[in-house]
C-alpha atoms as a PDB file:
ATOM      1  CA  UNK A   1     126.984  94.359 101.486  1.00  0.00           C
ATOM      2  CA  UNK A   2     126.984  91.661  98.762  1.00  0.00           C
ATOM      3  CA  UNK A   3     130.126  90.184 100.331  1.00  0.00           C
ATOM      4  CA  UNK A   4     128.543  90.124 103.788  1.00  0.00           C
ATOM      5  CA  UNK A   5     125.439  88.484 102.370  1.00  0.00           C
ATOM      6  CA  UNK A   6     127.612  85.775 100.807  1.00  0.00           C
ATOM      7  CA  UNK A   7     129.407  85.099 104.073  1.00  0.00           C
ATOM      8  CA  UNK A   8     126.191  84.863 106.064  1.00  0.00           C
ATOM      9  CA  UNK A   9     124.658  82.520 103.520  1.00  0.00           C
ATOM     10  CA  UNK A  10     127.558  80.129 103.903  1.00  0.00           C
ATOM     11  CA  UNK A  11     127.839  80.077 107.700  1.00  0.00           C
ATOM     12  CA  UNK A  12     125.382  78.005 109.749  1.00  0.00           C
ATOM     13  CA  UNK A  13     123.093  80.389 111.607  1.00  0.00           C
ATOM     14  CA  UNK A  14     121.956  79.391 115.074  1.00  0.00           C
ATOM     15  CA  UNK A  15     119.744  82.423 115.614  1.00  0.00           C
ATOM     16  CA  UNK A  16     116.385  83.320 114.186  1.00  0.00           C
ATOM     17  CA  UNK A  17     115.943  83.944 110.462  1.00  0.00           C
ATOM     18  CA  UNK A  18     114.272  87.226 111.337  1.00  0.00           C
ATOM     19  CA  UNK A  19     117.360  88.397 113.217  1.00  0.00           C
ATOM     20  CA  UNK A  20     119.501  87.432 110.244  1.00  0.00           C
ATOM     21  CA  UNK A  21     117.372  89.545 107.911  1.00  0.00           C
ATOM     22  CA  UNK A  22     117.383  92.488 110.323  1.00  0.00           C
ATOM     23  CA  UNK A  23     121.160  92.242 110.642  1.00  0.00           C
ATOM     24  CA  UNK A  24     121.584  92.209 106.857  1.00  0.00           C
ATOM     25  CA  UNK A  25     119.321  95.238 106.490  1.00  0.00           C
ATOM     26  CA  UNK A  26     121.236  97.170 109.155  1.00  0.00           C
ATOM     27  CA  UNK A  27     124.548  96.128 107.597  1.00  0.00           C
ATOM     28  CA  UNK A  28     123.410  97.196 104.135  1.00  0.00           C
ATOM     29  CA  UNK A  29     122.029 100.533 105.317  1.00  0.00           C
ATOM     30  CA  UNK A  30     125.068 101.250 107.457  1.00  0.00           C
ATOM     31  CA  UNK A  31     127.542 100.486 104.669  1.00  0.00           C
ATOM     32  CA  UNK A  32     125.478 102.507 102.202  1.00  0.00           C
ATOM     33  CA  UNK A  33     125.319 105.485 104.559  1.00  0.00           C
ATOM     34  CA  UNK A  34     129.035 105.331 105.301  1.00  0.00           C
ATOM     35  CA  UNK A  35     129.875 105.107 101.608  1.00  0.00           C
ATOM     36  CA  UNK A  36     127.677 108.107 100.790  1.00  0.00           C
ATOM     37  CA  UNK A  37     129.146 110.215 103.614  1.00  0.00           C
ATOM     38  CA  UNK A  38     132.659 109.518 102.341  1.00  0.00           C
ATOM     39  CA  UNK A  39     131.538 110.286  98.774  1.00  0.00           C
ATOM     40  CA  UNK A  40     130.024 113.571  99.986  1.00  0.00           C
ATOM     41  CA  UNK A  41     133.333 114.556 101.565  1.00  0.00           C
ATOM     42  CA  UNK A  42     135.200 113.663  98.366  1.00  0.00           C
ATOM     43  CA  UNK A  43     132.737 115.574  96.186  1.00  0.00           C
ATOM     44  CA  UNK A  44     133.128 118.624  98.411  1.00  0.00           C
ATOM     45  CA  UNK A  45     136.804 118.734  97.402  1.00  0.00           C
ATOM     46  CA  UNK A  46     136.464 117.180  93.946  1.00  0.00           C
ATOM     47  CA  UNK A  47     133.088 118.271  92.461  1.00  0.00           C
ATOM     48  CA  UNK A  48     133.048 115.758  89.611  1.00  0.00           C
ATOM     49  CA  UNK A  49     130.362 113.137  90.353  1.00  0.00           C
ATOM     50  CA  UNK A  50     130.890 111.271  87.078  1.00  0.00           C
ATOM     51  CA  UNK A  51     134.591 110.799  87.796  1.00  0.00           C
ATOM     52  CA  UNK A  52     133.949 109.703  91.382  1.00  0.00           C
ATOM     53  CA  UNK A  53     131.276 107.242  90.224  1.00  0.00           C
ATOM     54  CA  UNK A  54     133.578 105.687  87.597  1.00  0.00           C
ATOM     55  CA  UNK A  55     136.457 105.374  90.094  1.00  0.00           C
ATOM     56  CA  UNK A  56     134.002 103.766  92.529  1.00  0.00           C
ATOM     57  CA  UNK A  57     132.992 101.179  89.899  1.00  0.00           C
ATOM     58  CA  UNK A  58     136.633 100.551  88.922  1.00  0.00           C
ATOM     59  CA  UNK A  59     137.615 100.002  92.557  1.00  0.00           C
ATOM     60  CA  UNK A  60     134.731  97.592  93.049  1.00  0.00           C
ATOM     61  CA  UNK A  61     135.818  95.638  89.972  1.00  0.00           C
ATOM     62  CA  UNK A  62     139.425  95.404  91.193  1.00  0.00           C
ATOM     63  CA  UNK A  63     138.325  94.180  94.639  1.00  0.00           C
ATOM     64  CA  UNK A  64     135.677  91.729  93.459  1.00  0.00           C
ATOM     65  CA  UNK A  65     138.038  89.848  91.134  1.00  0.00           C
ATOM     66  CA  UNK A  66     140.342  88.556  93.892  1.00  0.00           C
ATOM     67  CA  UNK A  67     137.334  88.080  96.228  1.00  0.00           C
ATOM     68  CA  UNK A  68     135.643  85.673  93.791  1.00  0.00           C
ATOM     69  CA  UNK A  69     138.872  83.673  93.577  1.00  0.00           C
ATOM     70  CA  UNK A  70     139.452  83.634  97.350  1.00  0.00           C
ATOM     71  CA  UNK A  71     135.896  82.517  98.127  1.00  0.00           C
ATOM     72  CA  UNK A  72     135.858  80.085  95.191  1.00  0.00           C
ATOM     73  CA  UNK A  73     132.807  81.615  93.546  1.00  0.00           C
ATOM     74  CA  UNK A  74     131.549  79.462  90.632  1.00  0.00           C
ATOM     75  CA  UNK A  75     132.459  80.805  87.184  1.00  0.00           C
ATOM     76  CA  UNK A  76     129.961  82.587  84.970  1.00  0.00           C
ATOM     77  CA  UNK A  77     127.591  79.999  83.452  1.00  0.00           C
ATOM     78  CA  UNK A  78     127.173  79.732  79.711  1.00  0.00           C
ATOM     79  CA  UNK A  79     124.454  82.086  78.533  1.00  0.00           C
ATOM     80  CA  UNK A  80     123.124  82.829  75.085  1.00  0.00           C
ATOM     81  CA  UNK A  81     124.168  85.965  73.245  1.00  0.00           C
ATOM     82  CA  UNK A  82     120.524  87.041  73.240  1.00  0.00           C
ATOM     83  CA  UNK A  83     120.285  86.736  77.034  1.00  0.00           C
ATOM     84  CA  UNK A  84     123.575  88.584  77.454  1.00  0.00           C
ATOM     85  CA  UNK A  85     122.498  91.517  75.279  1.00  0.00           C
ATOM     86  CA  UNK A  86     118.903  91.558  76.504  1.00  0.00           C
ATOM     87  CA  UNK A  87     119.527  91.151  80.245  1.00  0.00           C
ATOM     88  CA  UNK A  88     123.171  91.529  81.309  1.00  0.00           C
ATOM     89  CA  UNK A  89     124.100  94.619  79.284  1.00  0.00           C
ATOM     90  CA  UNK A  90     120.976  96.611  80.306  1.00  0.00           C
ATOM     91  CA  UNK A  91     121.606  95.632  83.931  1.00  0.00           C
ATOM     92  CA  UNK A  92     125.163  96.934  83.682  1.00  0.00           C
ATOM     93  CA  UNK A  93     123.963 100.153  82.069  1.00  0.00           C
ATOM     94  CA  UNK A  94     121.375 100.579  84.830  1.00  0.00           C
ATOM     95  CA  UNK A  95     124.050 100.007  87.470  1.00  0.00           C
ATOM     96  CA  UNK A  96     126.270 102.676  85.911  1.00  0.00           C
ATOM     97  CA  UNK A  97     123.434 105.192  85.583  1.00  0.00           C
ATOM     98  CA  UNK A  98     122.344 104.450  89.146  1.00  0.00           C
ATOM     99  CA  UNK A  99     125.867 105.019  90.472  1.00  0.00           C
ATOM    100  CA  UNK A 100     126.287 108.277  88.547  1.00  0.00           C
ATOM    101  CA  UNK A 101     122.893 109.649  89.603  1.00  0.00           C
ATOM    102  CA  UNK A 102     123.578 108.649  93.227  1.00  0.00           C
ATOM    103  CA  UNK A 103     126.838 110.575  93.306  1.00  0.00           C
ATOM    104  CA  UNK A 104     125.219 113.520  91.563  1.00  0.00           C
ATOM    105  CA  UNK A 105     122.399 113.606  94.117  1.00  0.00           C
ATOM    106  CA  UNK A 106     124.671 113.525  97.172  1.00  0.00           C
ATOM    107  CA  UNK A 107     126.777 116.247  95.531  1.00  0.00           C
ATOM    108  CA  UNK A 108     123.705 118.493  95.207  1.00  0.00           C
ATOM    109  CA  UNK A 109     121.767 117.687  98.391  1.00  0.00           C
ATOM    110  CA  UNK A 110     122.629 116.541 101.943  1.00  0.00           C
ATOM    111  CA  UNK A 111     123.246 112.817 102.395  1.00  0.00           C
ATOM    112  CA  UNK A 112     120.359 112.661 104.889  1.00  0.00           C
ATOM    113  CA  UNK A 113     117.883 113.953 102.293  1.00  0.00           C
ATOM    114  CA  UNK A 114     119.259 111.684  99.550  1.00  0.00           C
ATOM    115  CA  UNK A 115     118.711 108.689 101.841  1.00  0.00           C
ATOM    116  CA  UNK A 116     115.225 109.926 102.674  1.00  0.00           C
ATOM    117  CA  UNK A 117     114.332 109.958  98.983  1.00  0.00           C
ATOM    118  CA  UNK A 118     115.844 106.482  98.597  1.00  0.00           C
ATOM    119  CA  UNK A 119     113.368 105.301 101.225  1.00  0.00           C
ATOM    120  CA  UNK A 120     110.939 105.204  98.286  1.00  0.00           C
ATOM    121  CA  UNK A 121     112.693 102.044  97.071  1.00  0.00           C
ATOM    122  CA  UNK A 122     109.874  99.776  98.362  1.00  0.00           C
ATOM    123  CA  UNK A 123     107.324 101.885  96.465  1.00  0.00           C
ATOM    124  CA  UNK A 124     109.274 101.610  93.218  1.00  0.00           C
ATOM    125  CA  UNK A 125     109.858  97.891  93.761  1.00  0.00           C
ATOM    126  CA  UNK A 126     106.162  97.178  94.367  1.00  0.00           C
ATOM    127  CA  UNK A 127     105.035  99.228  91.355  1.00  0.00           C
ATOM    128  CA  UNK A 128     107.641  97.680  89.059  1.00  0.00           C
ATOM    129  CA  UNK A 129     106.848  94.171  90.331  1.00  0.00           C
ATOM    130  CA  UNK A 130     103.206  94.760  89.421  1.00  0.00           C
ATOM    131  CA  UNK A 131     104.044  96.107  85.966  1.00  0.00           C
ATOM    132  CA  UNK A 132     106.912  93.757  85.055  1.00  0.00           C
ATOM    133  CA  UNK A 133     106.401  90.548  87.044  1.00  0.00           C
ATOM    134  CA  UNK A 134     102.597  90.788  87.181  1.00  0.00           C
ATOM    135  CA  UNK A 135     102.719  90.185  90.923  1.00  0.00           C
ATOM    136  CA  UNK A 136      99.941  91.161  93.305  1.00  0.00           C
ATOM    137  CA  UNK A 137     100.274  92.264  96.918  1.00  0.00           C
ATOM    138  CA  UNK A 138      98.114  92.290 100.013  1.00  0.00           C
ATOM    139  CA  UNK A 139      96.401  95.578 100.803  1.00  0.00           C
ATOM    140  CA  UNK A 140      98.542  95.843 103.936  1.00  0.00           C
ATOM    141  CA  UNK A 141     101.607  96.229 101.708  1.00  0.00           C
ATOM    142  CA  UNK A 142     100.058  99.236  99.977  1.00  0.00           C
ATOM    143  CA  UNK A 143      99.001 100.671 103.333  1.00  0.00           C
ATOM    144  CA  UNK A 144     102.547 100.325 104.648  1.00  0.00           C
ATOM    145  CA  UNK A 145     103.818 102.412 101.727  1.00  0.00           C
ATOM    146  CA  UNK A 146     101.684 105.437 102.616  1.00  0.00           C
ATOM    147  CA  UNK A 147     103.776 106.566 105.642  1.00  0.00           C
ATOM    148  CA  UNK A 148     106.924 106.266 103.510  1.00  0.00           C
ATOM    149  CA  UNK A 149     105.508 108.499 100.781  1.00  0.00           C
ATOM    150  CA  UNK A 150     104.211 110.944 103.404  1.00  0.00           C
ATOM    151  CA  UNK A 151     107.574 111.079 105.140  1.00  0.00           C
ATOM    152  CA  UNK A 152     109.435 111.820 101.898  1.00  0.00           C
ATOM    153  CA  UNK A 153     106.945 114.577 101.029  1.00  0.00           C
ATOM    154  CA  UNK A 154     107.389 116.192 104.462  1.00  0.00           C
ATOM    155  CA  UNK A 155     111.180 115.959 104.183  1.00  0.00           C
ATOM    156  CA  UNK A 156     111.066 117.529 100.723  1.00  0.00           C
ATOM    157  CA  UNK A 157     108.921 120.465 101.839  1.00  0.00           C
ATOM    158  CA  UNK A 158     111.018 121.143 104.953  1.00  0.00           C
ATOM    159  CA  UNK A 159     114.492 120.549 103.467  1.00  0.00           C
ATOM    160  CA  UNK A 160     116.517 123.753 103.810  1.00  0.00           C
ATOM    161  CA  UNK A 161     119.186 122.814 101.257  1.00  0.00           C
ATOM    162  CA  UNK A 162     116.662 121.553  98.704  1.00  0.00           C
ATOM    163  CA  UNK A 163     117.859 121.232  95.118  1.00  0.00           C
ATOM    164  CA  UNK A 164     115.489 120.100  92.357  1.00  0.00           C
ATOM    165  CA  UNK A 165     118.173 118.439  90.238  1.00  0.00           C
ATOM    166  CA  UNK A 166     119.497 116.624  93.300  1.00  0.00           C
ATOM    167  CA  UNK A 167     116.027 115.345  94.169  1.00  0.00           C
ATOM    168  CA  UNK A 168     115.402 114.058  90.627  1.00  0.00           C
ATOM    169  CA  UNK A 169     118.835 112.433  90.591  1.00  0.00           C
ATOM    170  CA  UNK A 170     118.031 110.627  93.863  1.00  0.00           C
ATOM    171  CA  UNK A 171     114.670 109.504  92.459  1.00  0.00           C
ATOM    172  CA  UNK A 172     116.286 108.304  89.246  1.00  0.00           C
ATOM    173  CA  UNK A 173     118.958 106.351  91.102  1.00  0.00           C
ATOM    174  CA  UNK A 174     116.268 104.738  93.257  1.00  0.00           C
ATOM    175  CA  UNK A 175     114.363 103.730  90.116  1.00  0.00           C
ATOM    176  CA  UNK A 176     117.537 102.301  88.547  1.00  0.00           C
ATOM    177  CA  UNK A 177     118.371 100.207  91.606  1.00  0.00           C
ATOM    178  CA  UNK A 178     114.779  98.999  91.964  1.00  0.00           C
ATOM    179  CA  UNK A 179     114.861  97.795  88.351  1.00  0.00           C
ATOM    180  CA  UNK A 180     118.261  96.248  88.948  1.00  0.00           C
ATOM    181  CA  UNK A 181     117.006  94.372  92.014  1.00  0.00           C
ATOM    182  CA  UNK A 182     114.100  92.885  90.065  1.00  0.00           C
ATOM    183  CA  UNK A 183     116.054  91.838  86.974  1.00  0.00           C
ATOM    184  CA  UNK A 184     119.098  90.676  88.938  1.00  0.00           C
ATOM    185  CA  UNK A 185     116.845  88.332  90.893  1.00  0.00           C
ATOM    186  CA  UNK A 186     115.340  87.051  87.643  1.00  0.00           C
ATOM    187  CA  UNK A 187     118.807  86.527  86.149  1.00  0.00           C
ATOM    188  CA  UNK A 188     120.078  84.655  89.204  1.00  0.00           C
ATOM    189  CA  UNK A 189     117.073  82.343  89.065  1.00  0.00           C
ATOM    190  CA  UNK A 190     117.118  81.793  85.311  1.00  0.00           C
ATOM    191  CA  UNK A 191     120.821  81.086  84.715  1.00  0.00           C
ATOM    192  CA  UNK A 192     121.788  80.138  88.290  1.00  0.00           C
ATOM    193  CA  UNK A 193     124.640  82.628  88.457  1.00  0.00           C
ATOM    194  CA  UNK A 194     126.149  83.452  91.842  1.00  0.00           C
ATOM    195  CA  UNK A 195     125.196  86.946  93.010  1.00  0.00           C
ATOM    196  CA  UNK A 196     128.832  87.971  93.529  1.00  0.00           C
ATOM    197  CA  UNK A 197     129.751  86.717  90.063  1.00  0.00           C
ATOM    198  CA  UNK A 198     126.848  88.672  88.581  1.00  0.00           C
ATOM    199  CA  UNK A 199     127.953  91.781  90.473  1.00  0.00           C
ATOM    200  CA  UNK A 200     131.486  91.388  89.092  1.00  0.00           C
ATOM    201  CA  UNK A 201     130.235  90.985  85.514  1.00  0.00           C
ATOM    202  CA  UNK A 202     127.981  94.035  85.835  1.00  0.00           C
ATOM    203  CA  UNK A 203     130.724  96.255  87.270  1.00  0.00           C
ATOM    204  CA  UNK A 204     133.188  95.133  84.599  1.00  0.00           C
ATOM    205  CA  UNK A 205     130.777  96.087  81.825  1.00  0.00           C
ATOM    206  CA  UNK A 206     129.839  99.314  83.586  1.00  0.00           C
END
């Protein structure tokens, strides 16, 4: 999904910006769903979510290296040691924890339910943006979050294969990725690092 975003950002778009955003969202959700379904099948035969998560990160690192060279991604800009330890390392740790908790959740609960819980991402992002970035939102944003919360509650109550540890793992992974989205955006703005280069650095550390 990061690779597709890079390609679309570097190809002149004749269509509407709204269609571009919708396409990116569908592409991201589709790739995420496909990845989780494959991971579920692997975990059914190899019930070791930590191992699968680490192999996933290692594979991503191996693929991103040549991709950054092929697409001539700018090198990592010079950053202070303080920024590296305060921002980059925690981001990498959050990415690793998010990957592990994601694989643990889809091992314990159906992929459909794990994705339903991850639908709370906008809620986490809004709350964290208020607490961390001191941003404020229109009341319509808060109103739009209510159906999402209600839908997740209904899915939780009616889920036949419900597992408490799987639910908490899905919630934790959603929190990790929401934090990562916020601080990755701040890092990209502050040091002007390309998003693919940042992703490579984070996966390497992870």
